[in-house]
């Protein structure tokens, strides 16, 4: 059984674009698939190894920003490109 600690929330690209939220990992903008209180699941153009500590920035309408130091939990390659599950809890 695959039980999660936190509920996941999907990201709506249209709403994300309206809010002008940009998520960046190690200087590379990523596409957030879903998020929870414990982390994010993202598509990226760059591969990040599992277990790597990464800098993550969340920019809001280029006005405010949250900076986090996170651990990459699971990395994989899918048809859309590299994916990464990032933990910040």
N, C-alpha and C. Protein backbone atom coordinates (compact mmCIF):
# COMPACT_ATOMS: atom_id res chain seq x y z
N UNK A 1 0.85 -1.18 0.00
CA UNK A 1 0.00 0.00 0.00
C UNK A 1 0.89 1.24 0.00
N UNK A 2 0.53 2.23 -0.80
CA UNK A 2 1.32 3.45 -0.94
C UNK A 2 0.61 4.60 -0.23
N UNK A 3 0.84 4.72 1.07
CA UNK A 3 0.18 5.79 1.83
C UNK A 3 1.10 7.00 1.92
N UNK A 4 0.55 8.17 1.76
CA UNK A 4 1.30 9.42 1.80
C UNK A 4 1.07 10.11 3.14
N UNK A 5 2.08 10.83 3.59
CA UNK A 5 1.95 11.58 4.84
C UNK A 5 1.03 12.78 4.68
N UNK A 6 1.06 13.39 3.48
CA UNK A 6 0.28 14.61 3.24
C UNK A 6 -0.54 14.46 1.97
N UNK A 7 -1.67 15.13 1.94
CA UNK A 7 -2.50 15.14 0.73
C UNK A 7 -1.78 15.93 -0.36
N UNK A 8 -1.89 15.46 -1.59
CA UNK A 8 -1.28 16.15 -2.73
C UNK A 8 -2.32 17.03 -3.42
N UNK A 9 -1.83 18.15 -3.98
CA UNK A 9 -2.68 19.09 -4.70
C UNK A 9 -2.11 19.30 -6.09
N UNK A 10 -2.96 19.13 -7.09
CA UNK A 10 -2.53 19.32 -8.48
C UNK A 10 -2.41 20.81 -8.77
N UNK A 11 -1.55 21.11 -9.73
CA UNK A 11 -1.35 22.49 -10.17
C UNK A 11 -2.10 22.70 -11.47
N UNK A 12 -2.89 23.75 -11.52
CA UNK A 12 -3.61 24.13 -12.73
C UNK A 12 -2.75 25.16 -13.46
N UNK A 13 -2.24 24.81 -14.64
CA UNK A 13 -1.34 25.70 -15.37
C UNK A 13 -1.95 27.07 -15.64
N UNK A 14 -3.23 27.12 -15.95
CA UNK A 14 -3.88 28.40 -16.24
C UNK A 14 -3.87 29.31 -15.01
N UNK A 15 -4.23 28.74 -13.87
CA UNK A 15 -4.22 29.53 -12.63
C UNK A 15 -2.80 29.92 -12.24
N UNK A 16 -1.84 29.03 -12.45
CA UNK A 16 -0.45 29.31 -12.12
C UNK A 16 0.07 30.47 -12.96
N UNK A 17 -0.29 30.49 -14.24
CA UNK A 17 0.14 31.57 -15.12
C UNK A 17 -0.47 32.90 -14.69
N UNK A 18 -1.73 32.89 -14.28
CA UNK A 18 -2.38 34.12 -13.82
C UNK A 18 -1.69 34.66 -12.57
N UNK A 19 -1.30 33.77 -11.68
CA UNK A 19 -0.66 34.17 -10.43
C UNK A 19 0.82 34.48 -10.63
N UNK A 20 1.36 34.13 -11.79
CA UNK A 20 2.77 34.37 -12.11
C UNK A 20 3.70 33.76 -11.07
N UNK A 21 3.46 32.48 -10.77
CA UNK A 21 4.30 31.75 -9.84
C UNK A 21 5.34 30.97 -10.64
N UNK A 22 6.61 31.14 -10.29
CA UNK A 22 7.70 30.45 -10.95
C UNK A 22 8.48 29.66 -9.90
N UNK A 23 8.71 28.37 -10.19
CA UNK A 23 9.49 27.52 -9.29
C UNK A 23 10.81 27.20 -9.98
N UNK A 24 11.90 27.42 -9.24
CA UNK A 24 13.24 27.25 -9.80
C UNK A 24 14.04 26.34 -8.87
N UNK A 25 14.69 25.31 -9.45
CA UNK A 25 15.58 24.43 -8.69
C UNK A 25 16.98 24.57 -9.27
N UNK A 26 17.91 24.98 -8.43
CA UNK A 26 19.31 25.16 -8.84
C UNK A 26 19.43 25.98 -10.12
N UNK A 27 18.65 27.06 -10.20
CA UNK A 27 18.73 27.96 -11.35
C UNK A 27 17.94 27.52 -12.56
N UNK A 28 17.28 26.36 -12.50
CA UNK A 28 16.52 25.84 -13.63
C UNK A 28 15.02 25.94 -13.34
N UNK A 29 14.26 26.68 -14.15
CA UNK A 29 12.81 26.71 -13.96
C UNK A 29 12.24 25.30 -14.17
N UNK A 30 11.31 24.90 -13.32
CA UNK A 30 10.70 23.57 -13.41
C UNK A 30 9.19 23.70 -13.51
N UNK A 31 8.55 22.65 -13.99
CA UNK A 31 7.09 22.59 -14.08
C UNK A 31 6.58 21.77 -12.90
N UNK A 32 5.82 22.39 -12.02
CA UNK A 32 5.29 21.69 -10.85
C UNK A 32 4.04 20.90 -11.27
N UNK A 33 4.08 19.59 -11.02
CA UNK A 33 2.95 18.72 -11.32
C UNK A 33 1.97 18.72 -10.16
N UNK A 34 2.50 18.54 -8.94
CA UNK A 34 1.66 18.62 -7.76
C UNK A 34 2.53 18.97 -6.56
N UNK A 35 1.85 19.33 -5.45
CA UNK A 35 2.59 19.69 -4.25
C UNK A 35 1.82 19.22 -3.02
N UNK A 36 2.53 19.16 -1.90
CA UNK A 36 1.93 18.83 -0.61
C UNK A 36 2.66 19.64 0.44
N UNK A 37 2.27 19.48 1.69
CA UNK A 37 2.97 20.16 2.78
C UNK A 37 4.42 19.68 2.89
N UNK A 38 4.70 18.49 2.37
CA UNK A 38 6.03 17.93 2.50
C UNK A 38 6.93 18.08 1.30
N UNK A 39 6.40 18.51 0.15
CA UNK A 39 7.28 18.62 -1.01
C UNK A 39 6.56 18.87 -2.32
N UNK A 40 7.31 18.73 -3.39
CA UNK A 40 6.82 18.97 -4.75
C UNK A 40 7.19 17.81 -5.66
N UNK A 41 6.39 17.59 -6.69
CA UNK A 41 6.74 16.67 -7.78
C UNK A 41 6.83 17.53 -9.02
N UNK A 42 8.00 17.51 -9.70
CA UNK A 42 8.23 18.43 -10.81
C UNK A 42 8.78 17.72 -12.04
N UNK A 43 8.52 18.33 -13.21
CA UNK A 43 9.23 18.01 -14.45
C UNK A 43 10.31 19.06 -14.61
N UNK A 44 11.47 18.64 -15.11
CA UNK A 44 12.59 19.56 -15.27
C UNK A 44 13.32 19.27 -16.57
N UNK A 45 13.96 20.28 -17.13
CA UNK A 45 14.81 20.06 -18.29
C UNK A 45 16.17 19.51 -17.87
N UNK A 46 16.48 19.64 -16.59
CA UNK A 46 17.76 19.19 -16.05
C UNK A 46 17.52 18.01 -15.12
N UNK A 47 18.43 17.03 -15.14
CA UNK A 47 18.34 15.87 -14.25
C UNK A 47 19.01 16.21 -12.92
N UNK A 48 18.32 15.91 -11.83
CA UNK A 48 18.88 16.08 -10.48
C UNK A 48 18.95 14.70 -9.84
N UNK A 49 20.11 14.30 -9.31
CA UNK A 49 20.23 12.96 -8.74
C UNK A 49 19.46 12.80 -7.44
N UNK A 50 19.00 11.58 -7.18
CA UNK A 50 18.33 11.27 -5.92
C UNK A 50 19.27 11.54 -4.76
N UNK A 51 18.73 12.09 -3.71
CA UNK A 51 19.51 12.35 -2.50
C UNK A 51 20.26 13.67 -2.52
N UNK A 52 20.30 14.33 -3.67
CA UNK A 52 21.02 15.61 -3.77
C UNK A 52 20.29 16.69 -3.00
N UNK A 53 21.03 17.53 -2.32
CA UNK A 53 20.46 18.71 -1.68
C UNK A 53 20.42 19.81 -2.74
N UNK A 54 19.27 20.44 -2.89
CA UNK A 54 19.09 21.45 -3.94
C UNK A 54 18.48 22.72 -3.37
N UNK A 55 18.79 23.82 -4.01
CA UNK A 55 18.17 25.11 -3.68
C UNK A 55 16.91 25.25 -4.51
N UNK A 56 15.81 25.56 -3.84
CA UNK A 56 14.53 25.72 -4.50
C UNK A 56 14.01 27.11 -4.20
N UNK A 57 13.58 27.82 -5.23
CA UNK A 57 12.98 29.15 -5.07
C UNK A 57 11.58 29.14 -5.65
N UNK A 58 10.67 29.76 -4.93
CA UNK A 58 9.32 29.96 -5.43
C UNK A 58 9.12 31.46 -5.52
N UNK A 59 8.93 31.96 -6.75
CA UNK A 59 8.78 33.39 -6.98
C UNK A 59 7.31 33.70 -7.27
N UNK A 60 6.79 34.71 -6.61
CA UNK A 60 5.40 35.11 -6.76
C UNK A 60 5.33 36.46 -7.47
N UNK A 61 4.86 36.45 -8.72
CA UNK A 61 4.67 37.66 -9.52
C UNK A 61 5.91 38.56 -9.49
N UNK A 62 7.07 37.97 -9.38
CA UNK A 62 8.35 38.69 -9.37
C UNK A 62 8.41 39.74 -8.27
N UNK A 63 7.63 39.54 -7.19
CA UNK A 63 7.63 40.49 -6.08
C UNK A 63 8.16 39.83 -4.82
N UNK A 64 7.62 38.68 -4.48
CA UNK A 64 8.01 37.97 -3.28
C UNK A 64 8.65 36.64 -3.66
N UNK A 65 9.43 36.09 -2.74
CA UNK A 65 10.14 34.86 -3.04
C UNK A 65 10.33 34.05 -1.76
N UNK A 66 10.20 32.73 -1.89
CA UNK A 66 10.52 31.80 -0.81
C UNK A 66 11.72 30.99 -1.28
N UNK A 67 12.75 30.90 -0.45
CA UNK A 67 13.93 30.11 -0.77
C UNK A 67 14.02 28.96 0.22
N UNK A 68 14.18 27.74 -0.29
CA UNK A 68 14.25 26.55 0.54
C UNK A 68 15.46 25.71 0.13
N UNK A 69 16.04 25.00 1.08
CA UNK A 69 17.09 24.03 0.82
C UNK A 69 16.43 22.67 1.00
N UNK A 70 16.35 21.88 -0.07
CA UNK A 70 15.55 20.66 -0.09
C UNK A 70 16.38 19.45 -0.50
N UNK A 71 15.80 18.28 -0.28
CA UNK A 71 16.43 17.03 -0.70
C UNK A 71 15.62 16.42 -1.83
N UNK A 72 16.31 16.01 -2.89
CA UNK A 72 15.67 15.28 -3.98
C UNK A 72 15.46 13.84 -3.55
N UNK A 73 14.22 13.41 -3.42
CA UNK A 73 13.94 12.05 -2.92
C UNK A 73 13.97 11.00 -4.01
N UNK A 74 13.23 11.25 -5.09
CA UNK A 74 13.14 10.29 -6.17
C UNK A 74 13.32 11.01 -7.50
N UNK A 75 14.22 10.49 -8.30
CA UNK A 75 14.44 11.05 -9.64
C UNK A 75 14.15 9.97 -10.66
N UNK A 76 13.58 10.34 -11.77
CA UNK A 76 13.31 9.37 -12.83
C UNK A 76 13.25 10.08 -14.17
N UNK A 77 13.20 9.30 -15.21
CA UNK A 77 13.10 9.81 -16.57
C UNK A 77 11.79 9.29 -17.14
N UNK A 78 10.93 10.18 -17.59
CA UNK A 78 9.68 9.80 -18.23
C UNK A 78 9.63 10.41 -19.62
N UNK A 79 8.58 10.15 -20.33
CA UNK A 79 8.46 10.66 -21.70
C UNK A 79 8.61 12.18 -21.78
N UNK A 80 8.10 12.89 -20.77
CA UNK A 80 8.18 14.36 -20.75
C UNK A 80 9.54 14.88 -20.35
N UNK A 81 10.45 14.00 -19.90
CA UNK A 81 11.77 14.42 -19.45
C UNK A 81 12.02 14.01 -18.02
N UNK A 82 13.10 14.53 -17.43
CA UNK A 82 13.43 14.16 -16.05
C UNK A 82 12.37 14.64 -15.06
N UNK A 83 12.14 13.85 -14.03
CA UNK A 83 11.24 14.23 -12.95
C UNK A 83 11.98 14.16 -11.63
N UNK A 84 11.49 14.87 -10.65
CA UNK A 84 12.10 14.87 -9.34
C UNK A 84 11.02 15.08 -8.28
N UNK A 85 11.08 14.30 -7.22
CA UNK A 85 10.25 14.53 -6.06
C UNK A 85 11.14 15.20 -5.02
N UNK A 86 10.77 16.40 -4.60
CA UNK A 86 11.58 17.20 -3.69
C UNK A 86 10.91 17.23 -2.32
N UNK A 87 11.70 16.99 -1.27
CA UNK A 87 11.17 17.01 0.08
C UNK A 87 11.67 18.25 0.81
N UNK A 88 10.75 18.97 1.44
CA UNK A 88 11.19 20.09 2.28
C UNK A 88 10.64 19.96 3.69
N UNK A 89 10.35 18.74 4.12
CA UNK A 89 9.90 18.58 5.51
C UNK A 89 10.92 17.79 6.30
